[in-house]
């Protein structure tokens, strides 16, 4: 059976954090390094794919 409860007063503590401050320079640098490495991998994969699809690429390997 539901019961109604009336609250006259509530005390609460709230801490506000700056979301930009949550990333330390070290963490941000690590993220940048991982992203750059992934972009380099993608570029290498693209070059390999383009090389595989080109006549010059195949001829150079023969």
Protein backbone atom coordinates (compact mmCIF):
# COMPACT_ATOMS: atom_id res chain seq x y z
CA UNK A 1 0.00 0.00 0.00
CA UNK A 2 1.61 3.33 -1.07
CA UNK A 3 2.31 5.92 1.58
CA UNK A 4 2.76 9.64 0.89
CA UNK A 5 5.81 11.21 2.49
CA UNK A 6 6.24 14.96 2.74
CA UNK A 7 9.81 16.29 2.99
CA UNK A 8 10.06 19.76 4.47
CA UNK A 9 13.76 20.29 3.97
CA UNK A 10 16.63 18.64 2.11
CA UNK A 11 20.31 19.36 2.59
CA UNK A 12 22.68 18.32 -0.16
CA UNK A 13 26.28 18.98 -1.13
CA UNK A 14 27.09 19.37 -4.79
CA UNK A 15 30.57 19.65 -6.22
CA UNK A 16 30.92 21.17 -9.63
CA UNK A 17 33.82 20.00 -11.72
CA UNK A 18 35.13 21.75 -14.78
CA UNK A 19 34.80 19.12 -17.53
CA UNK A 20 37.92 20.48 -19.24
CA UNK A 21 39.93 19.91 -16.09
CA UNK A 22 39.17 16.17 -16.09
CA UNK A 23 41.69 15.57 -18.85
CA UNK A 24 45.20 16.05 -17.58
CA UNK A 25 47.80 17.11 -20.12
CA UNK A 26 49.30 13.62 -19.92
CA UNK A 27 45.97 11.92 -20.65
CA UNK A 28 45.25 14.30 -23.50
CA UNK A 29 48.72 13.68 -24.98
CA UNK A 30 48.17 9.91 -24.80
CA UNK A 31 44.83 10.26 -26.58
CA UNK A 32 46.45 12.38 -29.30
CA UNK A 33 49.24 9.83 -29.78
CA UNK A 34 46.76 6.94 -30.11
CA UNK A 35 44.64 8.88 -32.62
CA UNK A 36 47.69 9.85 -34.68
CA UNK A 37 48.93 6.25 -34.73
CA UNK A 38 45.52 5.05 -35.90
CA UNK A 39 45.41 7.69 -38.64
CA UNK A 40 48.87 6.58 -39.82
CA UNK A 41 47.67 2.95 -39.91
CA UNK A 42 44.65 3.94 -41.99
CA UNK A 43 46.81 5.92 -44.39
CA UNK A 44 49.21 2.98 -44.80
CA UNK A 45 46.25 0.65 -45.43
CA UNK A 46 44.88 3.08 -48.02
CA UNK A 47 48.27 3.31 -49.76
CA UNK A 48 48.57 -0.49 -49.83
CA UNK A 49 45.05 -0.84 -51.21
CA UNK A 50 45.68 1.81 -53.86
CA UNK A 51 48.98 0.15 -54.74
CA UNK A 52 47.28 -3.24 -55.06
CA UNK A 53 44.67 -1.76 -57.36
CA UNK A 54 47.03 0.11 -59.65
CA UNK A 55 48.81 -1.36 -62.65
CA UNK A 56 52.03 0.44 -61.72
CA UNK A 57 51.96 -1.08 -58.23
CA UNK A 58 51.62 -4.60 -59.56
CA UNK A 59 54.25 -4.07 -62.25
CA UNK A 60 56.75 -2.69 -59.74
CA UNK A 61 56.47 -5.89 -57.68
CA UNK A 62 57.14 -8.20 -60.65
